[in-house]
Protein backbone atom coordinates (compact mmCIF):
# COMPACT_ATOMS: atom_id res chain seq x y z
CA UNK A 1 -8.34 -15.29 -16.02
CA UNK A 2 -5.90 -17.60 -16.95
CA UNK A 3 -2.44 -15.78 -16.56
CA UNK A 4 1.07 -17.22 -17.69
CA UNK A 5 4.04 -15.89 -15.45
CA UNK A 6 7.47 -16.18 -17.25
CA UNK A 7 10.17 -16.35 -14.39
CA UNK A 8 7.69 -18.27 -12.39
CA UNK A 9 10.09 -18.51 -9.31
CA UNK A 10 11.37 -15.26 -8.95
CA UNK A 11 10.57 -13.37 -5.85
CA UNK A 12 8.01 -10.92 -7.50
CA UNK A 13 6.50 -13.70 -9.50
CA UNK A 14 5.85 -15.99 -6.13
CA UNK A 15 4.06 -13.11 -4.59
CA UNK A 16 2.00 -12.65 -7.55
CA UNK A 17 1.23 -16.34 -7.95
CA UNK A 18 -0.03 -16.20 -4.58
CA UNK A 19 -2.49 -13.39 -5.26
CA UNK A 20 -3.62 -14.08 -8.12
CA UNK A 21 -4.26 -17.86 -7.20
CA UNK A 22 -5.93 -16.54 -4.07
CA UNK A 23 -8.51 -14.96 -6.08
CA UNK A 24 -9.52 -17.66 -8.17
CA UNK A 25 -7.59 -17.02 -11.36
CA UNK A 26 -5.33 -19.80 -13.29
CA UNK A 27 -2.04 -19.39 -13.17
CA UNK A 28 0.60 -21.00 -14.69
CA UNK A 29 4.37 -20.39 -13.47
CA UNK A 30 7.32 -21.28 -16.32
CA UNK A 31 10.13 -21.99 -14.61
CA UNK A 32 13.40 -23.25 -15.80
CA UNK A 33 14.70 -25.47 -12.89
CA UNK A 34 12.19 -28.58 -12.00
CA UNK A 35 13.09 -28.45 -8.93
CA UNK A 36 11.20 -25.39 -8.20
CA UNK A 37 8.15 -26.96 -9.13
CA UNK A 38 6.71 -27.70 -5.41
CA UNK A 39 7.64 -24.04 -4.43
CA UNK A 40 5.12 -22.76 -7.44
CA UNK A 41 2.51 -25.63 -6.51
CA UNK A 42 2.62 -23.99 -3.11
CA UNK A 43 1.20 -20.68 -4.28
CA UNK A 44 -1.68 -22.46 -6.03
CA UNK A 45 -0.10 -22.08 -9.24
CA UNK A 46 0.77 -24.68 -11.94
CA UNK A 47 4.17 -25.14 -12.50
CA UNK A 48 5.78 -25.66 -16.12
CA UNK A 49 9.07 -26.75 -17.00
CA UNK A 50 10.12 -24.09 -20.20
CA UNK A 51 13.91 -23.13 -20.33
CA UNK A 52 13.10 -19.61 -21.99
CA UNK A 53 17.05 -19.45 -23.16
CA UNK A 54 16.62 -22.98 -24.95
CA UNK A 55 12.41 -23.35 -25.80
CA UNK A 56 11.72 -22.69 -29.44
CA UNK A 57 8.62 -20.25 -30.29
CA UNK A 58 6.12 -23.43 -30.88
CA UNK A 59 7.73 -24.76 -27.19
CA UNK A 60 6.50 -21.52 -25.65
CA UNK A 61 3.50 -20.79 -27.48
CA UNK A 62 1.66 -23.77 -26.50
CA UNK A 63 1.52 -23.03 -22.82
CA UNK A 64 -0.15 -19.67 -23.72
CA UNK A 65 -2.96 -21.57 -25.24
CA UNK A 66 -5.96 -20.12 -24.03
CA UNK A 67 -4.39 -17.73 -21.53
CA UNK A 68 -5.78 -14.01 -21.19
CA UNK A 69 -2.62 -12.68 -20.19
CA UNK A 70 1.14 -13.12 -19.99
CA UNK A 71 3.52 -11.33 -17.16
CA UNK A 72 7.22 -11.22 -18.32
CA UNK A 73 9.04 -11.48 -14.77
CA UNK A 74 12.27 -13.31 -15.69
CA UNK A 75 15.31 -12.30 -14.90
CA UNK A 76 19.09 -13.30 -15.06
CA UNK A 77 19.50 -12.52 -11.22
CA UNK A 78 22.58 -11.49 -9.54
CA UNK A 79 25.47 -13.31 -10.22
CA UNK A 80 24.69 -13.94 -13.84
CA UNK A 81 27.15 -12.48 -16.44
CA UNK A 82 26.87 -9.82 -19.24
CA UNK A 83 25.55 -12.64 -21.77
CA UNK A 84 22.54 -13.85 -19.68
CA UNK A 85 21.63 -10.23 -19.35
CA UNK A 86 20.91 -10.46 -22.95
CA UNK A 87 19.71 -14.27 -23.16
CA UNK A 88 16.88 -13.79 -20.33
CA UNK A 89 16.18 -9.89 -20.09
CA UNK A 90 16.01 -9.39 -23.77
CA UNK A 91 15.50 -12.24 -25.57
CA UNK A 92 13.04 -14.45 -23.27
CA UNK A 93 11.23 -11.03 -23.43
CA UNK A 94 11.36 -11.18 -26.96
CA UNK A 95 10.27 -14.82 -27.38
CA UNK A 96 7.48 -14.72 -24.86
CA UNK A 97 6.08 -11.50 -26.78
CA UNK A 98 6.75 -13.27 -30.22
CA UNK A 99 4.58 -16.43 -28.08
CA UNK A 100 1.94 -14.62 -27.41
CA UNK A 101 1.37 -13.17 -30.79
CA UNK A 102 1.40 -16.78 -31.97
CA UNK A 103 -1.29 -18.21 -29.33
CA UNK A 104 -3.61 -14.91 -29.82
CA UNK A 105 -2.56 -13.61 -25.89
CA UNK A 106 -3.00 -9.70 -26.44
CA UNK A 107 -2.44 -8.68 -22.81
CA UNK A 108 1.14 -8.57 -21.70
CA UNK A 109 2.94 -7.02 -18.74
CA UNK A 110 6.30 -6.84 -19.04
CA UNK A 111 8.26 -6.18 -15.49
CA UNK A 112 11.48 -4.14 -16.12
CA UNK A 113 13.69 -1.71 -14.00
CA UNK A 114 14.00 1.75 -13.25
CA UNK A 115 17.10 3.23 -15.77
CA UNK A 116 15.80 1.26 -18.89
CA UNK A 117 15.16 3.64 -21.53
CA UNK A 118 18.40 5.37 -20.53
CA UNK A 119 22.17 5.20 -21.06
CA UNK A 120 23.77 2.99 -18.26
CA UNK A 121 24.88 4.98 -15.44
CA UNK A 122 28.62 6.26 -15.74
CA UNK A 123 30.55 4.42 -12.96
CA UNK A 124 28.53 1.29 -12.86
CA UNK A 125 30.33 -2.42 -13.99
CA UNK A 126 29.91 -3.60 -17.32
CA UNK A 127 26.91 -6.45 -15.86
CA UNK A 128 24.87 -3.55 -14.94
CA UNK A 129 25.34 -1.79 -18.32
CA UNK A 130 24.37 -4.94 -20.26
CA UNK A 131 21.32 -5.37 -17.61
CA UNK A 132 20.27 -1.96 -18.57
CA UNK A 133 20.63 -2.33 -22.19
CA UNK A 134 18.86 -5.72 -22.56
CA UNK A 135 15.93 -4.20 -20.34
CA UNK A 136 16.01 -1.01 -22.92
CA UNK A 137 15.88 -3.48 -25.81
CA UNK A 138 13.40 -5.97 -24.44
CA UNK A 139 10.94 -2.32 -23.71
CA UNK A 140 11.45 -1.18 -27.23
CA UNK A 141 10.82 -4.46 -28.87
CA UNK A 142 7.48 -4.74 -27.24
CA UNK A 143 6.33 -1.05 -28.11
CA UNK A 144 6.54 -2.07 -31.66
CA UNK A 145 4.23 -4.64 -31.40
CA UNK A 146 0.15 -4.83 -31.90
CA UNK A 147 -0.24 -6.26 -27.99
CA UNK A 148 -2.28 -4.51 -25.02
CA UNK A 149 1.50 -4.31 -23.46
CA UNK A 150 2.24 -2.36 -20.10
CA UNK A 151 5.43 -1.91 -19.00
CA UNK A 152 6.31 -1.51 -15.21
CA UNK A 153 9.72 -0.17 -13.91
CA UNK A 154 10.19 -0.98 -10.23
CA UNK A 155 12.99 0.72 -7.88
CA UNK A 156 15.18 -1.18 -5.97
CA UNK A 157 13.47 -3.95 -4.88
CA UNK A 158 13.35 -5.39 -0.99
CA UNK A 159 12.06 -8.43 0.55
CA UNK A 160 9.97 -5.61 3.38
CA UNK A 161 6.40 -6.77 4.06
CA UNK A 162 3.90 -5.27 1.49
CA UNK A 163 2.98 -1.46 2.50
CA UNK A 164 0.06 -1.63 0.29
CA UNK A 165 0.71 2.01 -0.80
CA UNK A 166 3.15 3.20 -3.71
CA UNK A 167 4.40 6.18 -6.25
CA UNK A 168 3.22 4.95 -9.61
CA UNK A 169 3.89 7.54 -12.66
CA UNK A 170 5.38 7.56 -15.86
CA UNK A 171 8.77 9.19 -14.04
CA UNK A 172 9.41 9.08 -10.02
CA UNK A 173 12.56 9.77 -8.07
CA UNK A 174 14.69 6.75 -7.42
CA UNK A 175 13.71 4.78 -4.35
CA UNK A 176 12.81 1.32 -3.25
CA UNK A 177 9.51 -0.74 -3.25
CA UNK A 178 8.73 -4.06 -1.96
CA UNK A 179 8.61 -7.18 -3.89
CA UNK A 180 5.09 -7.78 -2.65
CA UNK A 181 3.96 -4.21 -3.65
CA UNK A 182 5.71 -4.89 -7.04
CA UNK A 183 3.32 -7.93 -7.40
CA UNK A 184 -0.16 -6.25 -5.99
CA UNK A 185 0.50 -3.20 -9.10
CA UNK A 186 0.82 -6.31 -11.78
CA UNK A 187 -2.38 -7.84 -10.43
CA UNK A 188 -4.07 -4.55 -10.51
CA UNK A 189 -2.91 -3.74 -13.69
CA UNK A 190 -3.80 -7.15 -15.09
CA UNK A 191 -7.35 -5.92 -13.95
CA UNK A 192 -7.40 -2.25 -15.56
CA UNK A 193 -7.40 -2.36 -19.32
CA UNK A 194 -6.97 1.20 -19.43
CA UNK A 195 -3.47 1.14 -18.53
CA UNK A 196 -2.30 -0.66 -21.91
CA UNK A 197 0.43 1.43 -23.91
CA UNK A 198 1.67 2.63 -20.41
CA UNK A 199 5.63 2.68 -19.13
CA UNK A 200 5.23 3.03 -15.52
CA UNK A 201 7.92 3.80 -12.71
CA UNK A 202 7.23 2.56 -9.54
CA UNK A 203 8.76 3.12 -5.60
CA UNK A 204 7.21 3.28 -2.42
CA UNK A 205 4.51 5.95 -1.68
CA UNK A 206 1.47 7.04 0.12
CA UNK A 207 -1.24 6.22 -2.44
CA UNK A 208 -3.04 2.67 -2.31
CA UNK A 209 -2.43 0.50 -5.15
CA UNK A 210 -5.94 0.25 -6.41
CA UNK A 211 -5.94 4.06 -6.73
CA UNK A 212 -2.48 4.62 -8.18
CA UNK A 213 -3.19 2.15 -11.04
CA UNK A 214 -6.54 3.89 -11.51
CA UNK A 215 -4.72 6.92 -12.10
CA UNK A 216 -3.17 6.06 -14.99
CA UNK A 217 -6.12 4.24 -16.65
CA UNK A 218 -7.76 5.46 -19.91
CA UNK A 219 -11.55 6.05 -19.97
C-alpha cells in the first residue's frame, strides 16, 4: 500500500511510519517544518513538506496521487492556543478529507481523542474545550463523506513501550494507551476493510491488537 500520513512528525506517526515501512508499504509523512525531514527519513518513510494550515486543496491533493489510504494524525500539540486547535485539529482534517476525495483515495483513518463527540468536561480550561470541540467537528465532517473512514479515539497517551494488548470498543472506560500501540492499531485498521464506518475508543487492555481489530470487522 501507499499511505500518506498527515502530521508525519508526531509521535504516533513516527511509530506508524516505522511499522508500515518495515513491512514494505510506501509511506509519505507530511510535515510543516523542513527541519523534521531527516527524522521522517530514518523511519523509512518519505518526507514531504506541506503546511496544512496554509496549503490549498490542490497543494495537498497532488501528494495523495496514487495513494491507497490517508491517516490523519496531525494535532496542534501541547502549548498551542485555541485558534490552532481549530486550524489543525479540525480544519486540517477537513482539508485532508477534501484532498482524499479530490485524489480518489477512499480509505481514511482519523486519529481523534476520547472525549470527542461530547460536551467538554466541566472545569477544564478553554484550550481543552477548543480541542475537544475541534475533534468533534472533524469527526462530524468525516462521517458525512462518502469515504471508507474509521475514527480512532485513543485515551491518555504515554511513551511507554508497546504492550501489544488493548481494549478497543465503541465505548471504553477512561485510561491510558501507549503511542506505539495506537500506531499498531492504526496499521491493523488499514489492513482490515471491514472496520470502515466505525468510531472506536482505545486504551490499554488484555486483547492482542490483531484480535481486537478483527472483532470490529464486518464480514
